[in-house]
Amino acid sequence: MSDSKTARQRLRLAFMGTPDFAVPALLALAAAGHDVACVYSQPPRPAGRGHKDQKSPVHTAAAAQGWPLRTPTSLRDPKAQADFEALELDVAVVAAYGLILPPAVLEAPRLGCLNIHASLLPRWRGAAPIQRAILAGDRETGICIMQMEAGLDTGPVLLERRLAIAAHDTAQSLHDRLAALGAEAIVEAVTGLSAGLLKPQAQATDGVTYAAKLDKSEARLDWRKSAVELERQVRAFTPWPGAFFETAGGDRIKILAAELVPSGSGAVGEVLDDRLTLACGTGALRPTRLQRPGKAPADAAAFLRGFPLPAGSRLPLPD
């Protein structure tokens, strides 16, 4: 490949992202030879027991590479928009940034703004597509590289890559595989778009679903549900916020992993045996890894030695 052709393919870009999911894409774009003119990430926020300001994973990655970094609280300010336009970008890449991009920002780059979205659009538009796909029992998900517009994840799709959801996938394991797939896809999409090889395809008007932001209250297990639903809930809320149940004494116990039990019947929420098999609305669920507040995670046998839940006892149901 000639030097002139290489130079034409090297794009000046801004990267806009915040969590771990976005980091592989940022590093992949740089490794592909593109010019990272600026990285945008959300400002440091108080976190942890000490409530000290903590930089986002994208912030940390950009600082380690010495790339110019901006952490505005909003992009609605005219000065922030003028500063963005002054970058004279070919393209902006967005991955779980968390701030709304106003029209002035969306229109500034020569090739527009591209979003890395972790679902097969139009299914699971919105904030939590990975967890919602697991909760719904989807067998497949993927990455869409979308041209951004004013609507919520409504823009035309440039490139799609599919990925099977494994029976054992948690939100964390699926997140990690999708982050890697997104990094590959965005490099391909940027190259194809700049060469005129990709044409945006409008999203289908049917099959639209929305992946609402997770709420901690959703993580409580309701034993009236089927064991299949509850097992998905455990996987979807691992690692955050962690699916949990409460004991009759008010202790809140997280279930970090669980398995379906082929048979078993009893009143919902009843402990059926000495392995903590729990009767559900349909079927039974056996937690295999649990955690008490302030304690380290433990497998079920070790957990029960320190915190017995004898057969025949009942777990309370949510109101």
Protein backbone atom coordinates (compact mmCIF):
# COMPACT_ATOMS: atom_id res chain seq x y z
CA MET A 1 0.00 0.00 0.00
CA SER A 2 1.42 3.39 -0.97
CA ASP A 3 2.13 6.14 1.54
CA SER A 4 -0.36 8.44 -0.19
CA LYS A 5 -3.14 5.86 0.09
CA THR A 6 -2.30 5.29 3.76
CA ALA A 7 -2.43 9.04 4.39
CA ARG A 8 -5.86 9.34 2.77
CA GLN A 9 -7.22 6.60 5.03
CA ARG A 10 -5.86 8.15 8.21
CA LEU A 11 -8.76 10.04 9.73
CA ARG A 12 -8.78 12.79 12.29
CA LEU A 13 -11.27 11.76 14.92
CA ALA A 14 -12.67 12.52 18.34
CA PHE A 15 -13.61 9.64 20.62
CA MET A 16 -16.46 10.10 23.08
CA GLY A 17 -16.96 7.41 25.72
CA THR A 18 -16.91 6.74 29.43
CA PRO A 19 -17.01 3.12 30.74
CA ASP A 20 -14.88 0.01 30.24
CA PHE A 21 -16.99 -1.00 27.24
CA ALA A 22 -15.59 1.93 25.22
CA VAL A 23 -11.88 1.45 25.90
CA PRO A 24 -11.13 -1.38 23.40
CA ALA A 25 -12.66 0.68 20.58
CA LEU A 26 -10.57 3.74 21.43
CA LEU A 27 -7.35 1.73 21.51
CA ALA A 28 -8.26 -0.15 18.31
CA LEU A 29 -8.85 3.07 16.37
CA ALA A 30 -5.48 4.42 17.45
CA ALA A 31 -3.78 1.11 16.63
CA ALA A 32 -5.33 1.28 13.15
CA GLY A 33 -3.40 4.49 12.56
CA HIS A 34 -6.11 7.11 13.00
CA ASP A 35 -5.35 10.49 14.55
CA VAL A 36 -7.05 10.82 17.94
CA ALA A 37 -7.46 14.59 18.00
CA CYS A 38 -9.36 14.61 21.29
CA VAL A 39 -11.03 12.25 23.75
CA TYR A 40 -14.24 13.21 25.52
CA SER A 41 -15.39 11.49 28.68
CA GLN A 42 -17.68 12.25 31.58
CA PRO A 43 -16.08 14.17 34.45
CA PRO A 44 -14.59 12.34 37.44
CA ARG A 45 -17.30 11.35 39.93
CA PRO A 46 -17.20 10.46 43.64
CA ALA A 47 -16.98 6.68 44.02
CA GLY A 48 -16.04 4.01 46.53
CA ARG A 49 -16.19 4.12 50.29
CA GLY A 50 -14.11 7.27 50.47
CA HIS A 51 -16.29 9.05 47.87
CA LYS A 52 -13.17 10.35 46.17
CA ASP A 53 -13.40 11.59 42.61
CA GLN A 54 -12.67 8.72 40.25
CA LYS A 55 -11.71 9.07 36.59
CA SER A 56 -13.66 7.04 34.06
CA PRO A 57 -11.93 4.11 32.30
CA VAL A 58 -11.84 6.11 29.04
CA HIS A 59 -10.36 9.11 30.87
CA THR A 60 -7.66 6.87 32.36
CA ALA A 61 -6.86 5.26 28.99
CA ALA A 62 -6.61 8.63 27.23
CA ALA A 63 -4.37 10.08 29.93
CA ALA A 64 -2.06 7.05 29.72
CA GLN A 65 -1.63 7.66 25.98
CA GLY A 66 -1.23 11.42 26.35
CA TRP A 67 -4.19 12.25 24.12
CA PRO A 68 -5.96 15.61 24.52
CA LEU A 69 -8.86 15.12 26.92
CA ARG A 70 -12.04 17.04 27.66
CA THR A 71 -14.60 16.27 30.36
CA PRO A 72 -17.50 18.72 29.94
CA THR A 73 -20.64 18.30 32.02
CA SER A 74 -22.73 19.21 28.97
CA LEU A 75 -22.32 19.82 25.26
CA ARG A 76 -25.22 22.27 25.07
CA ASP A 77 -22.98 25.23 25.87
CA PRO A 78 -22.13 27.27 22.73
CA LYS A 79 -18.45 27.42 23.70
CA ALA A 80 -18.25 23.63 24.08
CA GLN A 81 -19.82 23.27 20.64
CA ALA A 82 -17.44 25.82 19.11
CA ASP A 83 -14.47 24.01 20.67
CA PHE A 84 -15.69 20.75 19.19
CA GLU A 85 -16.16 22.26 15.74
CA ALA A 86 -12.67 23.79 15.92
CA LEU A 87 -11.19 20.29 16.03
CA GLU A 88 -11.96 20.01 12.29
CA LEU A 89 -12.76 16.32 12.53
CA ASP A 90 -13.31 13.75 9.84
CA VAL A 91 -15.46 11.68 12.20
CA ALA A 92 -16.47 11.34 15.84
CA VAL A 93 -16.91 7.90 17.43
CA VAL A 94 -19.27 7.54 20.37
CA ALA A 95 -19.46 4.56 22.72
CA ALA A 96 -21.54 4.71 25.91
CA TYR A 97 -20.61 8.36 26.42
CA GLY A 98 -23.61 9.31 28.52
CA LEU A 99 -24.13 12.88 27.32
CA ILE A 100 -26.62 14.07 24.71
CA LEU A 101 -25.02 15.29 21.50
CA PRO A 102 -26.86 18.38 20.23
CA PRO A 103 -27.29 18.99 16.49
CA ALA A 104 -24.29 21.34 16.31
CA VAL A 105 -22.05 18.51 17.55
CA LEU A 106 -23.66 15.81 15.40
CA GLU A 107 -23.17 17.88 12.26
CA ALA A 108 -19.61 19.13 12.89
CA PRO A 109 -17.47 16.16 11.70
CA ARG A 110 -17.13 15.72 7.95
CA LEU A 111 -18.41 12.13 8.08
CA GLY A 112 -20.71 12.65 11.04
CA CYS A 113 -20.84 10.87 14.40
CA LEU A 114 -20.82 7.07 14.62
CA ASN A 115 -22.18 5.18 17.62
CA ILE A 116 -21.13 1.71 18.76
CA HIS A 117 -24.32 0.15 20.09
CA ALA A 118 -24.45 -3.23 21.83
CA SER A 119 -27.58 -4.71 20.27
CA LEU A 120 -29.11 -5.64 16.93
CA LEU A 121 -31.09 -2.48 16.28
CA PRO A 122 -33.95 -1.69 16.41
CA ARG A 123 -34.12 -4.23 19.26
CA TRP A 124 -32.92 -2.81 22.57
CA ARG A 125 -32.42 0.84 21.87
CA GLY A 126 -31.39 2.64 25.02
CA ALA A 127 -29.16 2.41 28.06
CA ALA A 128 -28.97 -1.27 29.07
CA PRO A 129 -29.14 -3.47 25.96
CA ILE A 130 -26.82 -6.18 27.28
CA GLN A 131 -28.77 -6.85 30.47
CA ARG A 132 -32.17 -6.57 28.78
CA ALA A 133 -31.18 -9.11 26.14
CA ILE A 134 -30.24 -11.64 28.84
CA LEU A 135 -33.39 -10.94 30.87
CA ALA A 136 -35.56 -11.48 27.80
CA GLY A 137 -33.91 -14.79 27.00
CA ASP A 138 -32.58 -13.59 23.64
CA ARG A 139 -30.38 -16.13 21.93
CA GLU A 140 -28.50 -13.59 19.84
CA THR A 141 -27.26 -10.04 20.13
CA GLY A 142 -24.46 -8.09 18.49
CA ILE A 143 -22.98 -4.74 17.59
CA CYS A 144 -24.43 -2.08 15.34
CA ILE A 145 -22.38 0.83 14.07
CA MET A 146 -24.96 3.56 13.62
CA GLN A 147 -24.88 7.05 12.16
CA MET A 148 -26.14 9.24 14.95
CA GLU A 149 -29.11 11.57 14.71
CA ALA A 150 -31.28 13.42 17.20
CA GLY A 151 -33.45 10.40 18.13
CA LEU A 152 -32.52 7.76 20.73
CA ASP A 153 -30.57 5.11 18.79
CA THR A 154 -32.74 5.66 15.72
CA GLY A 155 -30.06 6.44 13.14
CA PRO A 156 -29.26 4.34 10.06
CA VAL A 157 -26.94 1.38 10.52
CA LEU A 158 -23.65 1.17 8.62
CA LEU A 159 -22.48 -2.21 9.83
CA GLU A 160 -23.84 -5.07 11.95
CA ARG A 161 -22.00 -7.93 13.63
CA ARG A 162 -23.91 -10.76 15.34
CA LEU A 163 -23.00 -12.73 18.45
CA ALA A 164 -24.69 -15.73 20.09
CA ILE A 165 -25.64 -15.37 23.74
CA ALA A 166 -24.33 -18.44 25.56
CA ALA A 167 -26.41 -20.19 28.21
CA HIS A 168 -23.81 -19.26 30.85
CA ASP A 169 -23.30 -15.64 29.78
CA THR A 170 -23.54 -13.02 32.50
CA ALA A 171 -23.83 -9.31 31.80
CA GLN A 172 -20.08 -9.10 32.45
CA SER A 173 -19.01 -11.89 30.10
CA LEU A 174 -21.33 -10.72 27.34
CA HIS A 175 -20.19 -7.12 27.87
CA ASP A 176 -16.56 -8.13 27.41
CA ARG A 177 -17.23 -10.08 24.20
CA LEU A 178 -19.32 -7.26 22.77
CA ALA A 179 -16.70 -4.67 23.66
CA ALA A 180 -14.10 -6.64 21.69
CA LEU A 181 -16.50 -7.11 18.79
CA GLY A 182 -17.32 -3.39 18.84
CA ALA A 183 -13.66 -2.51 18.60
CA GLU A 184 -13.28 -4.67 15.48
CA ALA A 185 -16.48 -3.36 13.95
CA ILE A 186 -15.77 0.35 14.41
CA VAL A 187 -12.36 0.08 12.73
CA GLU A 188 -13.99 -1.69 9.79
CA ALA A 189 -16.84 0.83 9.67
CA VAL A 190 -14.60 3.90 9.76
CA THR A 191 -12.45 2.46 6.97
CA GLY A 192 -15.45 1.52 4.87
CA LEU A 193 -17.24 4.82 5.37
CA SER A 194 -14.20 6.91 4.45
CA ALA A 195 -13.68 4.81 1.31
CA GLY A 196 -17.33 5.12 0.29
CA LEU A 197 -17.85 1.36 0.61
CA LEU A 198 -20.61 1.44 3.22
CA LYS A 199 -24.10 2.73 2.74
CA PRO A 200 -26.32 3.50 5.73
CA GLN A 201 -29.43 1.32 6.03
CA ALA A 202 -32.53 2.68 7.75
CA GLN A 203 -33.64 0.68 10.77
CA ALA A 204 -36.75 -1.46 10.51
CA THR A 205 -39.91 0.12 11.84
CA ASP A 206 -41.08 -3.11 13.49
CA GLY A 207 -39.38 -4.99 16.30
CA VAL A 208 -38.47 -1.82 18.19
CA THR A 209 -37.79 -2.38 21.90
CA TYR A 210 -36.26 -0.13 24.55
CA ALA A 211 -33.61 -1.13 27.06
CA ALA A 212 -34.46 1.02 30.05
CA LYS A 213 -31.71 1.95 32.49
CA LEU A 214 -31.26 -0.60 35.27
CA ASP A 215 -32.78 0.11 38.66
CA LYS A 216 -31.45 -1.59 41.80
CA SER A 217 -34.99 -2.54 42.80
CA GLU A 218 -35.18 -4.83 39.74
CA ALA A 219 -32.45 -7.01 41.21
CA ARG A 220 -34.60 -8.46 44.00
CA LEU A 221 -35.67 -12.02 43.22
CA ASP A 222 -39.38 -12.81 43.37
CA TRP A 223 -39.84 -16.55 43.93
CA ARG A 224 -43.27 -16.40 42.28
CA LYS A 225 -41.49 -16.12 38.93
CA SER A 226 -40.30 -19.17 37.04
CA ALA A 227 -36.87 -20.60 37.76
CA VAL A 228 -35.92 -19.86 34.16
CA GLU A 229 -36.71 -16.16 34.60
CA LEU A 230 -34.86 -15.98 37.92
CA GLU A 231 -31.75 -17.68 36.53
CA ARG A 232 -31.67 -15.09 33.74
CA GLN A 233 -32.06 -12.37 36.34
CA VAL A 234 -29.03 -13.65 38.24
CA ARG A 235 -26.92 -13.58 35.08
CA ALA A 236 -28.25 -10.23 33.86
CA PHE A 237 -27.47 -8.48 37.12
CA THR A 238 -23.95 -9.89 37.47
CA PRO A 239 -21.85 -8.00 38.39
CA TRP A 240 -24.12 -4.99 39.00
CA PRO A 241 -26.24 -4.48 40.98
CA GLY A 242 -26.30 -8.17 41.90
CA ALA A 243 -29.48 -10.23 42.12
CA PHE A 244 -30.52 -10.71 45.75
CA PHE A 245 -33.10 -12.14 48.12
CA GLU A 246 -33.98 -11.33 51.70
CA THR A 247 -34.24 -13.81 54.54
CA ALA A 248 -36.97 -13.86 57.16
CA GLY A 249 -34.52 -12.07 59.44
CA GLY A 250 -33.99 -9.25 56.97
CA ASP A 251 -30.54 -10.24 55.73
CA ARG A 252 -29.92 -9.33 52.10
CA ILE A 253 -28.10 -12.11 50.25
CA LYS A 254 -26.68 -11.75 46.75
CA ILE A 255 -26.77 -14.69 44.36
CA LEU A 256 -23.75 -14.49 42.07
CA ALA A 257 -24.42 -17.72 40.18
CA ALA A 258 -27.23 -20.27 40.09
CA GLU A 259 -28.39 -23.33 38.18
CA LEU A 260 -31.75 -24.69 37.15
CA VAL A 261 -32.92 -27.85 38.90
CA PRO A 262 -34.88 -30.28 36.68
CA SER A 263 -37.40 -31.23 39.34
CA GLY A 264 -38.53 -30.04 42.71
CA SER A 265 -41.78 -28.77 44.11
CA GLY A 266 -42.85 -26.84 47.15
CA ALA A 267 -44.32 -23.55 48.23
CA VAL A 268 -42.71 -20.61 46.42
CA GLY A 269 -39.62 -19.48 48.28
CA GLU A 270 -39.31 -22.76 50.19
CA VAL A 271 -35.86 -24.28 50.76
CA LEU A 272 -36.26 -27.82 49.42
CA ASP A 273 -33.05 -29.52 50.55
CA ASP A 274 -29.68 -29.06 52.23
CA ARG A 275 -28.18 -27.68 48.98
CA LEU A 276 -30.39 -24.57 49.08
CA THR A 277 -32.60 -25.61 46.20
CA LEU A 278 -35.42 -23.07 46.12
CA ALA A 279 -38.96 -23.61 44.88
CA CYS A 280 -40.11 -21.07 42.32
CA GLY A 281 -43.41 -20.31 40.62
CA THR A 282 -42.40 -22.92 38.07
CA GLY A 283 -39.40 -25.20 38.64
CA ALA A 284 -36.59 -24.74 41.13
CA LEU A 285 -33.38 -22.74 41.34
CA ARG A 286 -30.19 -23.70 43.15
CA PRO A 287 -27.75 -20.87 43.98
CA THR A 288 -24.15 -22.01 43.56
CA ARG A 289 -22.34 -18.85 44.65
CA LEU A 290 -23.59 -16.32 47.18
CA GLN A 291 -22.45 -13.31 49.18
CA ARG A 292 -23.54 -11.83 52.50
CA PRO A 293 -23.12 -8.09 53.19
CA GLY A 294 -19.55 -7.35 54.20
CA LYS A 295 -18.40 -10.90 53.42
CA ALA A 296 -16.46 -12.43 50.55
CA PRO A 297 -18.31 -14.45 47.90
CA ALA A 298 -18.56 -18.16 48.72
CA ASP A 299 -19.79 -21.31 47.06
CA ALA A 300 -23.10 -22.60 48.34
CA ALA A 301 -21.67 -25.28 50.65
CA ALA A 302 -19.31 -22.84 52.39
CA PHE A 303 -22.04 -20.21 52.57
CA LEU A 304 -24.47 -22.61 54.29
CA ARG A 305 -21.87 -23.64 56.86
CA GLY A 306 -21.68 -20.06 58.04
CA PHE A 307 -25.31 -19.09 57.38
CA PRO A 308 -27.68 -22.07 57.57
CA LEU A 309 -30.94 -21.98 55.63
CA PRO A 310 -32.47 -25.36 56.52
CA ALA A 311 -34.83 -27.35 54.34
CA GLY A 312 -38.42 -26.39 54.97
CA SER A 313 -37.69 -22.75 55.75
CA ARG A 314 -39.36 -20.08 53.64
CA LEU A 315 -37.93 -16.95 52.10
CA PRO A 316 -40.23 -13.92 52.17
CA LEU A 317 -41.74 -12.61 48.96
CA PRO A 318 -41.39 -9.00 47.78
CA ASP A 319 -44.40 -6.78 48.43
